[in-house]
Amino acid sequence: MQQIMAFLPFIVMLAVFYFLIILPENKRKKKYSSMLGSINVNDEILTRGGIIGKVINIKDDYVIVESGPDRARFKIVKNGIADILNTKEENEEN
C-alpha cells in the first residue's frame, strides 16, 4: 500500500499536466487545422510575418496572396497564415 501512495503524487502531476498542457494544445491544433481548411478565395488573411492580404488562389500546401497598394502577389505556405480577418461572406455583406 505504501508503494502505491509513493506514486500517487506523480500520477496526480501527470493528470494535471495532461489537463493543463496537452488537452488545450490539441484543441488549439484542431481549431487551427479547421481554420486552414476553411480558407476561401477573396478571404482577407494575416500572415505570421504580419502581412495582411487577400487570398487570390489556393493550392494544396500554399496560397497566393495579394497585398499592398501595388497589389503585389506572393506565395506562402498555409502554415504561414496566422488568422482569417474577413471571410468571403463578410465581404459580400458589407
C-alpha atoms as a PDB file:
ATOM      1  CA  MET A   1       0.000   0.000   0.000  1.00  0.00           C
ATOM      2  CA  GLN A   2       2.860   2.362   0.753  1.00  0.00           C
ATOM      3  CA  GLN A   3       4.284   1.805  -2.721  1.00  0.00           C
ATOM      4  CA  ILE A   4       1.050   2.982  -4.315  1.00  0.00           C
ATOM      5  CA  MET A   5       0.994   6.048  -2.067  1.00  0.00           C
ATOM      6  CA  ALA A   6       4.543   6.857  -3.119  1.00  0.00           C
ATOM      7  CA  PHE A   7       3.479   7.024  -6.780  1.00  0.00           C
ATOM      8  CA  LEU A   8       0.250   8.928  -6.133  1.00  0.00           C
ATOM      9  CA  PRO A   9       1.793  12.445  -6.330  1.00  0.00           C
ATOM     10  CA  PHE A  10       3.487  11.504  -9.595  1.00  0.00           C
ATOM     11  CA  ILE A  11       0.203  10.245 -11.060  1.00  0.00           C
ATOM     12  CA  VAL A  12      -1.624  13.391  -9.930  1.00  0.00           C
ATOM     13  CA  MET A  13       1.059  15.589 -11.513  1.00  0.00           C
ATOM     14  CA  LEU A  14       0.746  13.696 -14.806  1.00  0.00           C
ATOM     15  CA  ALA A  15      -3.033  14.183 -14.768  1.00  0.00           C
ATOM     16  CA  VAL A  16      -2.673  17.909 -14.075  1.00  0.00           C
ATOM     17  CA  PHE A  17      -0.044  18.195 -16.807  1.00  0.00           C
ATOM     18  CA  TYR A  18      -2.389  16.469 -19.259  1.00  0.00           C
ATOM     19  CA  PHE A  19      -5.378  18.696 -18.475  1.00  0.00           C
ATOM     20  CA  LEU A  20      -3.423  21.978 -18.338  1.00  0.00           C
ATOM     21  CA  ILE A  21      -0.950  21.484 -21.200  1.00  0.00           C
ATOM     22  CA  ILE A  22      -1.723  18.658 -23.605  1.00  0.00           C
ATOM     23  CA  LEU A  23      -5.522  18.868 -23.871  1.00  0.00           C
ATOM     24  CA  PRO A  24      -5.665  22.641 -24.637  1.00  0.00           C
ATOM     25  CA  GLU A  25      -2.844  22.276 -27.183  1.00  0.00           C
ATOM     26  CA  ASN A  26      -4.718  19.510 -29.005  1.00  0.00           C
ATOM     27  CA  LYS A  27      -7.841  21.704 -29.111  1.00  0.00           C
ATOM     28  CA  ARG A  28      -5.802  24.621 -30.483  1.00  0.00           C
ATOM     29  CA  LYS A  29      -4.268  22.437 -33.202  1.00  0.00           C
ATOM     30  CA  LYS A  30      -7.680  21.115 -34.207  1.00  0.00           C
ATOM     31  CA  LYS A  31      -9.134  24.641 -34.379  1.00  0.00           C
ATOM     32  CA  TYR A  32      -6.144  25.878 -36.428  1.00  0.00           C
ATOM     33  CA  SER A  33      -6.433  22.963 -38.870  1.00  0.00           C
ATOM     34  CA  SER A  34     -10.132  23.628 -39.398  1.00  0.00           C
ATOM     35  CA  MET A  35      -9.368  27.331 -39.921  1.00  0.00           C
ATOM     36  CA  LEU A  36      -6.799  26.473 -42.605  1.00  0.00           C
ATOM     37  CA  GLY A  37      -9.282  24.155 -44.264  1.00  0.00           C
ATOM     38  CA  SER A  38     -11.943  26.865 -44.381  1.00  0.00           C
ATOM     39  CA  ILE A  39      -9.850  29.427 -46.282  1.00  0.00           C
ATOM     40  CA  ASN A  40     -11.558  30.581 -49.482  1.00  0.00           C
ATOM     41  CA  VAL A  41     -10.609  32.853 -52.362  1.00  0.00           C
ATOM     42  CA  ASN A  42     -11.135  36.572 -51.501  1.00  0.00           C
ATOM     43  CA  ASP A  43     -10.672  35.990 -47.763  1.00  0.00           C
ATOM     44  CA  GLU A  44      -8.515  38.588 -46.032  1.00  0.00           C
ATOM     45  CA  ILE A  45      -5.750  36.907 -44.035  1.00  0.00           C
ATOM     46  CA  LEU A  46      -2.969  37.807 -41.637  1.00  0.00           C
ATOM     47  CA  THR A  47       0.354  36.024 -42.117  1.00  0.00           C
ATOM     48  CA  ARG A  48       2.658  35.043 -39.279  1.00  0.00           C
ATOM     49  CA  GLY A  49       5.009  37.759 -40.514  1.00  0.00           C
ATOM     50  CA  GLY A  50       2.327  40.422 -40.025  1.00  0.00           C
ATOM     51  CA  ILE A  51       1.363  40.944 -43.676  1.00  0.00           C
ATOM     52  CA  ILE A  52      -2.327  41.437 -44.411  1.00  0.00           C
ATOM     53  CA  GLY A  53      -3.548  40.390 -47.822  1.00  0.00           C
ATOM     54  CA  LYS A  54      -6.335  38.869 -49.873  1.00  0.00           C
ATOM     55  CA  VAL A  55      -6.267  35.237 -50.998  1.00  0.00           C
ATOM     56  CA  ILE A  56      -6.154  35.046 -54.801  1.00  0.00           C
ATOM     57  CA  ASN A  57      -5.576  31.327 -55.378  1.00  0.00           C
ATOM     58  CA  ILE A  58      -5.453  28.213 -53.202  1.00  0.00           C
ATOM     59  CA  LYS A  59      -3.331  25.136 -53.901  1.00  0.00           C
ATOM     60  CA  ASP A  60      -2.743  22.031 -51.773  1.00  0.00           C
ATOM     61  CA  ASP A  61       0.023  23.320 -49.493  1.00  0.00           C
ATOM     62  CA  TYR A  62       0.199  27.023 -50.309  1.00  0.00           C
ATOM     63  CA  VAL A  63      -1.879  30.082 -51.169  1.00  0.00           C
ATOM     64  CA  ILE A  64      -1.224  33.075 -53.395  1.00  0.00           C
ATOM     65  CA  VAL A  65      -1.848  36.345 -51.583  1.00  0.00           C
ATOM     66  CA  GLU A  66      -2.272  39.859 -52.977  1.00  0.00           C
ATOM     67  CA  SER A  67      -1.274  42.749 -50.731  1.00  0.00           C
ATOM     68  CA  GLY A  68      -0.480  46.440 -50.725  1.00  0.00           C
ATOM     69  CA  PRO A  69      -1.436  49.366 -52.938  1.00  0.00           C
ATOM     70  CA  ASP A  70       0.561  47.926 -55.857  1.00  0.00           C
ATOM     71  CA  ARG A  71      -1.266  44.606 -55.487  1.00  0.00           C
ATOM     72  CA  ALA A  72       1.939  42.648 -55.070  1.00  0.00           C
ATOM     73  CA  ARG A  73       1.363  38.897 -55.224  1.00  0.00           C
ATOM     74  CA  PHE A  74       3.349  36.332 -53.300  1.00  0.00           C
ATOM     75  CA  LYS A  75       3.091  32.656 -52.465  1.00  0.00           C
ATOM     76  CA  ILE A  76       3.095  31.418 -48.870  1.00  0.00           C
ATOM     77  CA  VAL A  77       2.623  28.007 -47.305  1.00  0.00           C
ATOM     78  CA  LYS A  78      -0.669  27.514 -45.495  1.00  0.00           C
ATOM     79  CA  ASN A  79       1.111  27.154 -42.154  1.00  0.00           C
ATOM     80  CA  GLY A  80       2.318  30.747 -42.601  1.00  0.00           C
ATOM     81  CA  ILE A  81      -1.238  32.002 -42.139  1.00  0.00           C
ATOM     82  CA  ALA A  82      -1.941  33.233 -38.627  1.00  0.00           C
ATOM     83  CA  ASP A  83      -5.612  34.193 -38.915  1.00  0.00           C
ATOM     84  CA  ILE A  84      -8.507  34.905 -41.263  1.00  0.00           C
ATOM     85  CA  LEU A  85      -9.551  38.523 -40.774  1.00  0.00           C
ATOM     86  CA  ASN A  86     -12.563  38.802 -43.091  1.00  0.00           C
ATOM     87  CA  THR A  87     -14.188  35.891 -44.818  1.00  0.00           C
ATOM     88  CA  LYS A  88     -15.750  35.985 -48.260  1.00  0.00           C
ATOM     89  CA  GLU A  89     -19.251  36.023 -46.727  1.00  0.00           C
ATOM     90  CA  GLU A  90     -18.440  39.028 -44.513  1.00  0.00           C
ATOM     91  CA  ASN A  91     -17.031  40.905 -47.527  1.00  0.00           C
ATOM     92  CA  GLU A  92     -20.232  40.283 -49.529  1.00  0.00           C
ATOM     93  CA  GLU A  93     -22.439  41.517 -46.659  1.00  0.00           C
ATOM     94  CA  ASN A  94     -20.590  44.860 -46.460  1.00  0.00           C
END
